Amino acid sequence: MAIHEKMNFRFYTNAISQASRKVASGIFIVGLVLVGFGVIILALPEIFAFLAAAVFFIAGLGCAITAVKIFLAQRKLNKINKNNIGDGSQGCRKNVQIHIEEHYDR
């Protein structure tokens, strides 16, 4: 008489099951947070309008300050470049050859 063993074959593991539970719980928490923000925005629209305006104002100031810094740095580089060209030195060298020594392992 032959003994037949029953073998269970699963397409997923316990780790995949745990990962899917964690993803589902994370999505659920994010959904609840979004619903909460929606309710708060409905209840207090003036406060959130003020906060949004403040964020845009600060972001605009940051962009303007960064642009001014770039313009000033470019102006400084142009002055340095004009001074170097005016005293006879050149920004690049002509007739420069690069020699590469090639060593082959034999």
Protein backbone atom coordinates (compact mmCIF):
# COMPACT_ATOMS: atom_id res chain seq x y z
CA MET A 1 0.00 0.00 0.00
CA ALA A 2 1.47 3.30 -1.07
CA ILE A 3 1.39 6.28 1.23
CA HIS A 4 0.43 9.46 -0.54
CA GLU A 5 1.60 12.64 1.08
CA LYS A 6 -0.44 15.72 0.54
CA MET A 7 1.76 18.63 -0.41
CA ASN A 8 0.47 22.17 -0.18
CA PHE A 9 1.80 24.57 -2.76
CA ARG A 10 1.45 28.26 -2.08
CA PHE A 11 1.95 31.06 -4.53
CA TYR A 12 2.64 33.51 -1.74
CA THR A 13 4.59 33.52 1.44
CA ASN A 14 3.95 34.88 4.89
CA ALA A 15 6.31 37.78 4.14
CA ILE A 16 4.19 38.85 1.18
CA SER A 17 1.07 38.64 3.34
CA GLN A 18 2.68 40.83 6.01
CA ALA A 19 3.89 43.32 3.41
CA SER A 20 0.44 43.62 1.87
CA ARG A 21 -1.09 44.16 5.33
CA LYS A 22 1.45 46.92 6.05
CA VAL A 23 0.76 48.58 2.69
CA ALA A 24 -2.99 48.38 3.30
CA SER A 25 -2.64 49.88 6.78
CA GLY A 26 -0.42 52.66 5.44
CA ILE A 27 -2.94 53.50 2.73
CA PHE A 28 -5.73 53.48 5.32
CA ILE A 29 -3.82 55.89 7.60
CA VAL A 30 -3.04 58.24 4.69
CA GLY A 31 -6.72 58.16 3.71
CA LEU A 32 -7.81 59.07 7.24
CA VAL A 33 -5.28 61.91 7.38
CA LEU A 34 -6.53 63.26 4.04
CA VAL A 35 -10.14 63.09 5.21
CA GLY A 36 -9.12 64.93 8.39
CA PHE A 37 -7.38 67.67 6.41
CA GLY A 38 -10.45 67.98 4.20
CA VAL A 39 -12.71 68.45 7.22
CA ILE A 40 -10.36 71.01 8.76
CA ILE A 41 -10.17 72.96 5.49
CA LEU A 42 -13.97 72.95 5.25
CA ALA A 43 -14.27 74.18 8.83
CA LEU A 44 -11.52 76.82 8.73
CA PRO A 45 -10.93 78.01 5.15
CA GLU A 46 -9.54 81.44 6.13
CA ILE A 47 -6.68 79.95 8.14
CA PHE A 48 -5.65 77.62 5.33
CA ALA A 49 -5.89 80.39 2.75
CA PHE A 50 -3.55 82.45 4.94
CA LEU A 51 -1.14 79.51 5.32
CA ALA A 52 -1.12 78.87 1.55
CA ALA A 53 -0.46 82.56 0.89
CA ALA A 54 2.39 82.53 3.41
CA VAL A 55 3.95 79.46 1.77
CA PHE A 56 3.79 81.06 -1.69
CA PHE A 57 5.19 84.35 -0.33
CA ILE A 58 8.14 82.60 1.34
CA ALA A 59 8.79 80.48 -1.76
CA GLY A 60 8.74 83.62 -3.92
CA LEU A 61 11.20 85.38 -1.62
CA GLY A 62 13.47 82.35 -1.72
CA CYS A 63 13.44 82.31 -5.53
CA ALA A 64 14.12 86.03 -5.72
CA ILE A 65 17.03 85.83 -3.27
CA THR A 66 18.53 82.87 -5.15
CA ALA A 67 18.23 84.74 -8.46
CA VAL A 68 19.95 87.82 -7.01
CA LYS A 69 22.80 85.64 -5.68
CA ILE A 70 23.26 84.07 -9.12
CA PHE A 71 23.26 87.48 -10.82
CA LEU A 72 25.84 88.83 -8.37
CA ALA A 73 28.07 85.77 -8.77
CA GLN A 74 27.86 86.07 -12.57
CA ARG A 75 28.70 89.78 -12.36
CA LYS A 76 31.74 88.99 -10.19
CA LEU A 77 32.90 86.30 -12.64
CA ASN A 78 32.53 88.71 -15.56
CA LYS A 79 34.67 91.31 -13.76
CA ILE A 80 37.36 88.73 -13.04
CA ASN A 81 37.31 87.59 -16.66
CA LYS A 82 37.57 91.18 -17.98
CA ASN A 83 40.51 91.89 -15.64
CA ASN A 84 42.37 88.78 -16.79
CA ILE A 85 41.89 89.59 -20.48
CA GLY A 86 42.88 93.23 -19.95
CA ASP A 87 46.29 92.42 -18.44
CA GLY A 88 47.45 90.35 -21.40
CA SER A 89 46.82 86.87 -20.07
CA GLN A 90 44.47 84.73 -22.04
CA GLY A 91 41.61 82.63 -20.79
CA CYS A 92 42.85 79.65 -22.77
CA ARG A 93 46.21 78.39 -23.99
CA LYS A 94 46.96 77.71 -27.61
CA ASN A 95 49.26 75.05 -29.00
CA VAL A 96 48.96 72.85 -25.93
CA GLN A 97 49.45 69.17 -26.50
CA ILE A 98 48.48 66.46 -24.07
CA HIS A 99 50.79 63.48 -23.94
CA ILE A 100 49.42 60.23 -22.62
CA GLU A 101 51.79 57.47 -21.71
CA GLU A 102 50.24 54.12 -22.41
CA HIS A 103 51.48 51.18 -20.42
CA TYR A 104 50.36 47.79 -21.59
CA ASP A 105 50.60 44.82 -19.32
CA ARG A 106 52.10 41.93 -21.21
